[in-house]
Protein backbone atom coordinates (compact mmCIF):
# COMPACT_ATOMS: atom_id res chain seq x y z
CA TRP A 1 -132.80 -73.68 61.92
CA GLY A 2 -131.64 -70.27 63.13
CA TRP A 3 -128.62 -69.75 60.84
CA GLY A 4 -128.25 -66.75 58.56
CA ARG A 5 -127.42 -68.24 55.19
CA SER A 6 -126.10 -65.19 53.42
CA GLY A 7 -124.09 -63.98 56.43
CA TYR A 8 -122.41 -67.35 56.96
CA GLY A 9 -121.67 -67.72 53.26
CA ALA A 10 -120.21 -64.23 53.06
CA ARG A 11 -117.66 -65.10 55.74
CA LEU A 12 -116.60 -68.05 53.58
CA GLY A 13 -116.45 -66.05 50.38
CA LEU A 14 -119.25 -68.27 49.06
CA ASP A 15 -122.87 -67.16 49.47
CA TYR A 16 -125.90 -69.41 49.39
CA LEU A 17 -126.80 -68.60 45.77
CA GLU A 18 -123.24 -69.43 44.71
CA LEU A 19 -123.51 -72.74 46.56
CA LYS A 20 -126.72 -73.51 44.70
CA GLU A 21 -124.97 -72.80 41.42
CA TYR A 22 -122.04 -74.98 42.46
CA LEU A 23 -124.38 -77.86 43.33
CA ARG A 24 -126.27 -77.45 40.06
CA ALA A 25 -123.07 -77.50 37.99
CA GLU A 26 -121.74 -80.51 39.87
CA MET A 27 -125.03 -82.36 39.38
CA LEU A 28 -124.81 -81.83 35.62
CA SER A 29 -121.28 -83.24 35.50
CA VAL A 30 -122.21 -86.19 37.72
CA ASP A 31 -125.30 -86.93 35.63
CA LYS A 32 -123.22 -86.94 32.45
CA ALA A 33 -120.89 -89.55 33.95
CA LEU A 34 -123.87 -91.53 35.28
CA ASP A 35 -125.53 -91.57 31.87
CA GLN A 36 -122.37 -93.01 30.32
CA ALA A 37 -122.14 -95.65 33.05
CA VAL A 38 -125.80 -96.62 32.72
CA THR A 39 -125.52 -96.84 28.93
CA LEU A 40 -122.75 -99.41 29.36
CA ILE A 41 -124.81 -101.40 31.87
CA GLU A 42 -127.84 -101.35 29.56
CA SER A 43 -125.73 -102.88 26.79
CA GLU A 44 -124.94 -105.85 29.06
CA LEU A 45 -128.42 -106.60 30.43
CA GLU A 46 -131.84 -107.68 29.24
CA SER A 47 -133.80 -104.66 28.09
CA ASP A 48 -136.31 -104.59 30.97
CA ILE A 49 -133.56 -104.84 33.59
CA GLY A 50 -131.52 -102.18 31.82
CA SER A 51 -134.54 -99.88 31.73
CA ALA A 52 -135.09 -100.44 35.44
CA VAL A 53 -131.44 -99.56 36.11
CA ARG A 54 -131.81 -96.33 34.13
CA HIS A 55 -134.99 -95.41 35.99
CA GLY A 56 -133.46 -96.09 39.42
CA VAL A 57 -130.18 -94.31 38.76
CA MET A 58 -131.16 -91.36 36.58
CA SER A 59 -134.29 -90.20 38.40
CA ASP A 60 -134.04 -86.77 40.00
CA GLY A 61 -131.90 -86.61 43.13
CA LYS A 62 -129.57 -84.36 45.11
CA ARG A 63 -126.43 -86.30 44.09
CA LEU A 64 -125.00 -85.36 47.48
CA ARG A 65 -122.68 -88.37 47.77
CA PRO A 66 -120.93 -87.89 44.42
CA ILE A 67 -120.70 -84.13 45.02
CA LEU A 68 -119.05 -84.74 48.39
CA CYS A 69 -116.58 -87.02 46.60
CA THR A 70 -115.68 -84.52 43.87
CA THR A 71 -115.44 -81.69 46.38
CA ALA A 72 -113.20 -83.62 48.76
CA TYR A 73 -111.01 -84.66 45.82
CA ARG A 74 -110.70 -81.07 44.59
CA GLU A 75 -110.07 -79.57 48.05
CA CYS A 76 -107.39 -82.21 48.68
CA GLY A 77 -105.56 -80.99 45.59
CA GLY A 78 -106.90 -83.35 42.93
CA ARG A 79 -106.76 -82.07 39.37
CA ALA A 80 -108.18 -84.75 37.05
CA GLU A 81 -111.59 -83.10 36.73
CA GLN A 82 -113.25 -85.45 34.22
CA SER A 83 -112.22 -88.76 35.75
CA VAL A 84 -113.30 -87.81 39.26
CA TYR A 85 -116.91 -87.53 38.06
CA GLU A 86 -116.62 -91.07 36.74
CA LEU A 87 -115.47 -92.14 40.20
CA ALA A 88 -118.26 -90.18 41.87
CA ALA A 89 -120.82 -91.93 39.68
CA SER A 90 -119.99 -95.23 41.41
CA LEU A 91 -121.31 -93.82 44.69
CA GLU A 92 -124.63 -92.79 43.17
CA MET A 93 -124.95 -96.24 41.59
CA ILE A 94 -124.67 -97.86 45.03
CA HIS A 95 -127.03 -95.28 46.52
CA ALA A 96 -129.58 -95.88 43.74
CA TYR A 97 -129.51 -99.65 44.24
CA SER A 98 -130.11 -99.17 47.97
CA LEU A 99 -133.15 -96.98 47.30
CA MET A 100 -134.55 -99.42 44.74
CA HIS A 101 -134.32 -102.25 47.28
CA ASP A 102 -135.44 -100.04 50.20
CA ASP A 103 -138.68 -99.24 48.38
CA LEU A 104 -139.61 -102.87 47.71
CA PRO A 105 -142.76 -104.26 49.38
CA CYS A 106 -140.63 -106.54 51.57
CA MET A 107 -138.90 -103.48 53.04
CA ASP A 108 -140.56 -100.03 53.09
CA ASP A 109 -143.22 -100.75 50.42
CA ALA A 110 -142.93 -97.24 48.96
CA ALA A 111 -144.78 -96.18 45.83
CA LEU A 112 -143.17 -92.73 45.43
CA ARG A 113 -139.52 -91.71 45.26
CA ARG A 114 -138.08 -88.40 44.05
CA GLY A 115 -141.53 -87.36 42.86
CA GLN A 116 -141.90 -90.41 40.60
CA ALA A 117 -143.33 -93.90 40.83
CA THR A 118 -140.76 -96.22 42.40
CA THR A 119 -138.92 -98.69 40.20
CA HIS A 120 -140.80 -101.79 41.36
CA VAL A 121 -144.15 -100.09 40.69
CA LEU A 122 -143.14 -99.61 37.04
CA PHE A 123 -141.07 -102.72 36.39
CA GLY A 124 -142.11 -105.25 39.03
CA GLU A 125 -140.35 -106.63 42.07
CA ASP A 126 -138.30 -109.33 40.33
CA VAL A 127 -136.85 -106.97 37.73
CA THR A 128 -136.13 -104.32 40.38
CA MET A 129 -134.28 -106.79 42.62
CA ARG A 130 -132.16 -107.95 39.70
CA ALA A 131 -131.51 -104.41 38.49
CA GLY A 132 -130.40 -103.32 41.96
CA ALA A 133 -128.14 -106.35 42.30
CA ALA A 134 -126.57 -105.63 38.90
CA LEU A 135 -125.55 -102.17 40.08
CA ILE A 136 -123.26 -103.53 42.82
CA PRO A 137 -120.53 -105.11 40.63
CA ALA A 138 -121.06 -102.38 38.03
CA ALA A 139 -120.28 -99.73 40.66
CA ALA A 140 -117.13 -101.60 41.75
CA ARG A 141 -115.94 -101.76 38.14
CA GLN A 142 -116.74 -98.08 37.67
CA ALA A 143 -114.77 -97.12 40.78
CA LEU A 144 -111.77 -99.26 39.86
CA HIS A 145 -111.41 -98.07 36.27
CA SER A 146 -111.90 -94.40 37.14
CA ALA A 147 -109.66 -94.37 40.23
CA ARG A 148 -106.75 -95.73 38.17
CA LYS A 149 -106.84 -92.48 36.16
CA LEU A 150 -106.51 -90.27 39.24
CA GLU A 151 -103.59 -89.29 41.48
CA CYS A 152 -103.80 -92.51 43.49
CA GLY A 153 -102.99 -94.49 40.33
CA VAL A 154 -103.21 -98.25 39.90
CA SER A 155 -101.65 -98.91 43.31
CA GLY A 156 -104.22 -96.82 45.18
CA ALA A 157 -107.30 -97.76 43.19
CA ALA A 158 -107.85 -100.95 45.20
CA ALA A 159 -108.10 -98.92 48.42
CA VAL A 160 -110.71 -96.68 46.80
CA VAL A 161 -112.82 -99.66 45.72
CA GLN A 162 -112.41 -101.32 49.12
CA GLU A 163 -113.76 -98.18 50.78
CA LEU A 164 -116.81 -98.20 48.51
CA LEU A 165 -117.64 -101.87 49.04
CA GLU A 166 -117.06 -101.86 52.79
CA ALA A 167 -119.40 -98.87 53.13
CA ALA A 168 -122.01 -100.62 51.00
CA GLY A 169 -121.83 -104.01 52.73
CA ALA A 170 -122.87 -105.69 55.95
CA GLY A 171 -120.62 -103.46 58.05
CA GLY A 172 -122.18 -100.38 56.50
CA MET A 173 -125.28 -99.64 54.46
CA VAL A 174 -126.68 -103.18 54.16
CA GLY A 175 -126.07 -103.74 57.86
CA GLY A 176 -127.96 -100.54 58.56
CA GLN A 177 -130.87 -101.67 56.39
CA TRP A 178 -130.98 -104.91 58.40
CA LEU A 179 -131.00 -103.00 61.70
CA ASP A 180 -133.74 -100.80 60.28
CA LEU A 181 -135.93 -103.82 59.55
CA LEU A 182 -135.24 -105.33 62.98
CA GLY A 183 -136.19 -102.02 64.58
CA GLU A 184 -139.75 -102.00 63.24
CA GLY A 185 -142.21 -102.00 66.11
CA GLN A 186 -139.50 -101.27 68.68
CA THR A 187 -138.43 -98.13 70.51
CA LEU A 188 -134.69 -97.86 69.97
CA SER A 189 -132.39 -96.15 72.43
CA PRO A 190 -130.54 -93.02 71.25
CA LYS A 191 -127.36 -95.10 70.94
CA GLU A 192 -129.10 -97.79 68.90
CA LEU A 193 -130.68 -95.23 66.58
CA ASP A 194 -127.32 -93.52 66.03
CA GLU A 195 -125.69 -96.89 65.24
CA LEU A 196 -128.43 -97.77 62.76
CA HIS A 197 -128.07 -94.53 60.83
CA ARG A 198 -124.27 -94.36 61.02
CA LYS A 199 -124.46 -97.53 58.94
CA LYS A 200 -127.54 -97.09 56.79
CA THR A 201 -127.01 -93.43 55.83
CA GLY A 202 -123.65 -92.39 57.22
CA ALA A 203 -121.39 -95.12 55.87
CA LEU A 204 -121.80 -94.20 52.20
CA LEU A 205 -121.65 -90.47 52.92
CA THR A 206 -118.39 -91.02 54.78
CA ALA A 207 -117.02 -93.21 51.99
CA SER A 208 -117.76 -90.42 49.51
CA LEU A 209 -115.31 -88.12 51.27
CA VAL A 210 -112.71 -90.79 51.96
CA MET A 211 -112.76 -91.96 48.33
CA GLY A 212 -112.27 -88.40 47.10
CA ALA A 213 -109.35 -87.90 49.47
CA LEU A 214 -107.76 -91.26 48.63
CA ALA A 215 -108.13 -90.58 44.91
CA ALA A 216 -106.23 -87.31 45.36
CA ALA A 217 -103.48 -89.17 47.27
CA ALA A 218 -104.13 -87.09 50.40
CA GLU A 219 -102.15 -87.57 53.61
CA LYS A 220 -103.46 -90.12 56.14
CA GLN A 221 -104.27 -87.37 58.65
CA THR A 222 -106.45 -85.62 56.07
CA VAL A 223 -108.22 -88.83 55.08
CA SER A 224 -108.94 -89.59 58.75
CA ALA A 225 -110.29 -86.09 59.42
CA LEU A 226 -112.55 -86.23 56.38
CA ALA A 227 -113.86 -89.57 57.60
CA SER A 228 -114.74 -87.93 60.92
CA TYR A 229 -116.39 -85.07 59.06
CA GLY A 230 -118.36 -87.58 57.00
CA ARG A 231 -119.58 -89.53 60.01
CA SER A 232 -120.85 -86.33 61.61
CA ILE A 233 -122.63 -84.92 58.57
CA GLY A 234 -124.04 -88.37 57.80
CA LEU A 235 -125.82 -88.40 61.14
CA ALA A 236 -126.90 -84.78 60.69
CA PHE A 237 -128.29 -85.67 57.27
CA GLN A 238 -130.48 -88.43 58.70
CA ILE A 239 -131.70 -86.30 61.59
CA THR A 240 -132.66 -83.63 59.05
CA ASP A 241 -134.51 -86.24 57.00
CA ASP A 242 -136.55 -87.10 60.09
CA VAL A 243 -137.24 -83.41 60.73
CA LEU A 244 -138.33 -82.87 57.12
CA ASP A 245 -140.52 -85.97 57.18
CA ALA A 246 -142.27 -84.53 60.24
CA THR A 247 -142.66 -80.98 58.92
CA GLN A 248 -142.83 -81.00 55.10
CA SER A 249 -145.42 -82.23 52.60
CA ALA A 250 -144.99 -85.34 50.47
CA GLU A 251 -145.30 -83.07 47.41
CA LEU A 252 -142.25 -81.05 48.43
CA LEU A 253 -140.24 -84.08 49.57
CA GLY A 254 -141.08 -86.16 46.48
CA LYS A 255 -141.86 -89.18 48.66
CA ASN A 256 -144.35 -90.35 51.25
CA PRO A 257 -142.62 -90.60 54.65
CA SER A 258 -143.15 -94.18 55.88
CA ASP A 259 -141.21 -94.55 59.13
CA VAL A 260 -144.19 -93.64 61.33
CA ASP A 261 -146.49 -95.98 59.37
CA LEU A 262 -143.94 -98.80 59.75
CA ASP A 263 -143.60 -98.06 63.47
CA LYS A 264 -139.90 -97.20 63.27
CA SER A 265 -137.98 -95.07 65.71
CA THR A 266 -137.04 -91.61 64.45
CA TYR A 267 -135.05 -88.75 65.94
CA VAL A 268 -138.14 -86.57 66.11
CA GLY A 269 -140.16 -89.34 67.73
CA LEU A 270 -137.40 -90.09 70.23
CA HIS A 271 -136.24 -86.57 71.09
CA GLY A 272 -138.90 -84.17 69.84
CA LEU A 273 -138.49 -81.62 67.06
CA ASP A 274 -136.39 -79.01 68.86
CA GLN A 275 -133.99 -81.49 70.45
CA ALA A 276 -133.56 -83.32 67.15
CA LYS A 277 -132.57 -80.04 65.49
CA GLU A 278 -130.11 -79.36 68.31
CA HIS A 279 -128.60 -82.82 67.86
CA ALA A 280 -128.08 -82.03 64.15
CA ARG A 281 -126.36 -78.75 65.06
CA GLU A 282 -124.03 -80.59 67.41
CA CYS A 283 -123.12 -83.02 64.62
CA ILE A 284 -122.32 -80.13 62.28
CA ALA A 285 -120.12 -78.53 64.93
CA GLU A 286 -118.21 -81.83 65.21
CA ALA A 287 -117.84 -81.97 61.43
CA LEU A 288 -116.45 -78.45 61.23
CA SER A 289 -114.06 -79.17 64.08
CA ALA A 290 -112.70 -82.14 62.13
CA LEU A 291 -112.09 -79.92 59.09
CA GLU A 292 -110.29 -77.35 61.19
CA SER A 293 -107.85 -80.00 62.42
CA ILE A 294 -106.17 -80.44 59.01
CA PRO A 295 -104.02 -78.07 56.96
CA ILE A 296 -106.22 -77.83 53.85
CA ASP A 297 -108.45 -75.03 52.65
CA ALA A 298 -111.94 -76.52 52.38
CA PRO A 299 -114.47 -73.69 51.99
CA VAL A 300 -116.99 -75.74 50.00
CA LEU A 301 -116.98 -78.66 52.43
CA THR A 302 -117.45 -76.15 55.23
CA ILE A 303 -120.57 -74.60 53.77
CA LEU A 304 -121.83 -78.00 52.55
CA ALA A 305 -121.92 -79.11 56.17
CA ARG A 306 -124.41 -76.33 56.86
CA TYR A 307 -126.36 -77.12 53.70
CA VAL A 308 -126.95 -80.68 54.92
CA VAL A 309 -129.21 -79.37 57.68
CA GLU A 310 -130.58 -76.30 55.91
CA ARG A 311 -131.93 -78.10 52.83
CA GLU A 312 -135.66 -78.19 52.28
CA ARG A 313 -135.98 -81.72 50.89
């Protein structure tokens, strides 16, 4: 990508190895909260559905959305360390349900996800659909109960949950999945492709940051700027996914890229590899500009913006 990782990190006071350690530590804390949430869900469901939920949620993943939430919360001044991981878990629950449904034969028909057999391959389509559906109200409950413990309190918890559900619904992720299905076999314009991925991928990434800021009772200007940051890195994240799908092996990615097989438009297919990378850089520049517009110190969010396009899977 043409960026010097160690040099950039040094200017932030956070080098690339330190970022990797930060991400690893955050993943462990998120996974602990996720395990507790999944254990509760398992106690409420039939055993096969509960097992499918555990498989879909707890399989290996980057946990980027919950980490963006905890980081935004912390850099907006939040201090309730334990409860914010419980809030962040709600984002991964929604993300996991979307992947479980995305992989179904009626959608992308994927057999591999995160280096493992997909949930429907192991548990069947019916169980996977029901397990994914069960995660939606469970995530809302998780967000509500955890947000009430944070700086936003009972009065602000509803806004946090509203942000999660709006990002997950027809105006966000689900709407993006629908546009994705409609786009099979068509060549989308650059504007149409951006709109698709601002919903399918970007909406939940943006909500992660907004929820963290709202939970910390941040000022409206800060919340708005973090939303702009989220929209930009969300698009950069998807462009990078397309670049990785075109340049990396299925073994490294932990999945078999399917967009080309399903005749979907991608950024690489539409713009070419070099121009797609340039588009991602432009998105990151927009994200960093949004951060610079607010009076908070956000070194981790700054370097995370770069990480979004420098990751290898």
